[in-house]
N, C-alpha and C. Protein backbone atom coordinates (compact mmCIF):
# COMPACT_ATOMS: atom_id res chain seq x y z
N MET A 1 -12.35 -15.32 10.52
CA MET A 1 -13.09 -14.99 9.51
C MET A 1 -14.26 -15.94 8.98
N ASN A 2 -14.86 -15.47 8.51
CA ASN A 2 -16.38 -15.73 8.19
C ASN A 2 -15.94 -17.29 6.73
N LYS A 3 -17.06 -18.30 6.16
CA LYS A 3 -16.65 -19.14 5.37
C LYS A 3 -17.54 -17.49 3.85
N ARG A 4 -18.22 -16.72 4.37
CA ARG A 4 -18.38 -16.05 3.03
C ARG A 4 -17.76 -15.02 2.61
N PHE A 5 -16.48 -14.62 3.44
CA PHE A 5 -15.17 -13.99 3.03
C PHE A 5 -14.48 -14.55 2.04
N TYR A 6 -13.92 -15.65 2.55
CA TYR A 6 -13.41 -17.22 1.91
C TYR A 6 -13.93 -17.02 0.36
N LEU A 7 -15.44 -17.21 0.81
CA LEU A 7 -16.11 -17.06 -1.04
C LEU A 7 -15.58 -16.06 -1.50
N PHE A 8 -15.66 -15.22 -1.34
CA PHE A 8 -16.37 -13.92 -1.92
C PHE A 8 -14.27 -14.40 -2.49
N CYS A 9 -13.21 -14.09 -1.84
CA CYS A 9 -11.92 -14.07 -2.03
C CYS A 9 -12.01 -14.82 -3.41
N ALA A 10 -12.20 -16.20 -3.14
CA ALA A 10 -12.34 -17.60 -4.43
C ALA A 10 -12.77 -16.61 -5.69
N THR A 11 -13.92 -16.15 -5.32
CA THR A 11 -14.59 -15.38 -6.61
C THR A 11 -13.76 -14.38 -6.99
N THR A 12 -13.15 -13.35 -6.41
CA THR A 12 -12.56 -12.52 -7.07
C THR A 12 -11.32 -12.86 -7.96
N TRP A 13 -10.62 -14.01 -7.47
CA TRP A 13 -9.48 -14.43 -7.59
C TRP A 13 -9.88 -15.08 -9.09
N ALA A 14 -10.69 -15.78 -8.91
CA ALA A 14 -11.15 -16.82 -10.01
C ALA A 14 -11.55 -15.53 -11.10
N ALA A 15 -12.23 -14.01 -10.51
CA ALA A 15 -12.46 -13.20 -11.73
C ALA A 15 -11.20 -12.71 -12.49
N ALA A 16 -10.18 -12.81 -11.27
CA ALA A 16 -9.07 -12.33 -11.97
C ALA A 16 -8.31 -13.12 -12.91
N ALA A 17 -8.51 -14.32 -12.61
CA ALA A 17 -7.58 -15.67 -13.56
C ALA A 17 -9.03 -15.86 -14.94
N VAL A 18 -9.93 -15.29 -14.90
CA VAL A 18 -10.52 -15.42 -16.02
C VAL A 18 -10.16 -14.10 -16.92
N LEU A 19 -9.39 -13.11 -15.85
CA LEU A 19 -9.40 -11.75 -17.25
C LEU A 19 -7.85 -12.39 -17.62
N ILE A 20 -6.95 -13.01 -17.10
CA ILE A 20 -5.62 -12.95 -16.92
C ILE A 20 -5.43 -14.28 -18.17
N LEU A 21 -6.33 -15.21 -18.13
CA LEU A 21 -6.23 -16.07 -19.08
C LEU A 21 -6.73 -16.45 -20.77
N GLY A 22 -8.16 -15.07 -20.63
CA GLY A 22 -8.66 -14.63 -21.24
C GLY A 22 -8.21 -14.07 -22.36
N GLN A 23 -7.21 -13.81 -22.43
CA GLN A 23 -6.00 -12.66 -22.93
C GLN A 23 -6.86 -10.93 -23.97
N GLY A 24 -7.45 -10.86 -22.94
CA GLY A 24 -8.00 -9.64 -23.80
C GLY A 24 -9.47 -9.68 -24.68
N SER A 25 -10.26 -11.16 -24.39
CA SER A 25 -11.08 -11.61 -25.20
C SER A 25 -12.52 -10.74 -24.63
N MET A 26 -13.26 -10.03 -25.32
CA MET A 26 -15.08 -9.61 -24.73
C MET A 26 -15.63 -10.35 -24.10
N ALA A 27 -15.74 -11.52 -24.51
CA ALA A 27 -16.24 -12.97 -23.37
C ALA A 27 -15.94 -13.16 -22.40
N THR A 28 -14.21 -12.91 -22.63
CA THR A 28 -14.04 -13.03 -20.79
C THR A 28 -13.93 -11.86 -19.82
N ASP A 29 -14.27 -10.90 -21.02
CA ASP A 29 -13.98 -9.82 -19.85
C ASP A 29 -15.69 -9.57 -19.11
N ALA A 30 -16.75 -10.10 -19.95
CA ALA A 30 -18.05 -9.97 -19.65
C ALA A 30 -17.88 -10.88 -18.40
N LEU A 31 -17.54 -12.74 -18.77
CA LEU A 31 -17.54 -13.56 -18.19
C LEU A 31 -17.07 -13.19 -16.33
N SER A 32 -15.69 -12.34 -16.65
CA SER A 32 -15.15 -12.01 -15.53
C SER A 32 -15.89 -10.90 -14.41
N GLY A 33 -16.60 -10.25 -15.13
CA GLY A 33 -17.60 -9.20 -14.38
C GLY A 33 -18.87 -9.79 -14.40
N VAL A 34 -19.13 -10.72 -14.47
CA VAL A 34 -20.29 -11.89 -14.28
C VAL A 34 -19.43 -12.41 -12.69
N ILE A 35 -18.61 -13.09 -12.34
CA ILE A 35 -18.36 -13.61 -11.78
C ILE A 35 -17.93 -13.05 -10.81
N ALA A 36 -17.40 -11.12 -10.60
CA ALA A 36 -16.92 -10.90 -9.82
C ALA A 36 -18.25 -10.47 -9.24
N LEU A 37 -19.49 -10.23 -9.90
CA LEU A 37 -20.58 -9.75 -9.25
C LEU A 37 -21.31 -10.49 -8.57
N ALA A 38 -21.46 -12.25 -8.39
CA ALA A 38 -21.30 -12.92 -8.08
C ALA A 38 -20.95 -13.30 -6.63
N GLY A 39 -19.35 -12.73 -6.58
CA GLY A 39 -18.93 -13.23 -5.62
C GLY A 39 -19.42 -11.72 -4.43
N PHE A 40 -19.58 -10.52 -5.74
CA PHE A 40 -20.65 -9.53 -4.35
C PHE A 40 -21.71 -10.16 -3.86
N ASP A 41 -22.28 -10.87 -4.09
CA ASP A 41 -23.91 -11.09 -4.30
C ASP A 41 -23.85 -12.28 -2.65
N LEU A 42 -22.38 -12.81 -2.40
CA LEU A 42 -21.77 -13.91 -1.62
C LEU A 42 -21.96 -13.30 0.02
N LEU A 43 -21.29 -11.47 -0.20
CA LEU A 43 -21.45 -10.77 1.04
C LEU A 43 -23.19 -10.56 1.33
N ARG A 44 -24.17 -10.44 0.80
CA ARG A 44 -24.89 -10.20 1.18
C ARG A 44 -25.78 -11.38 2.61
N PRO A 45 -26.14 -10.57 3.68
CA PRO A 45 -26.60 -10.51 4.48
C PRO A 45 -27.71 -11.60 4.33
């Protein structure tokens, strides 16, 4: 596996952690979305 894939996995897990720890707050939902989109950006060639 390459380094980008591992970084993508880490950002996806971080986004999930923000959702869990945010307890339904709208701000943390938005932050989780930003983190997840940043993870998708890591996969670009």
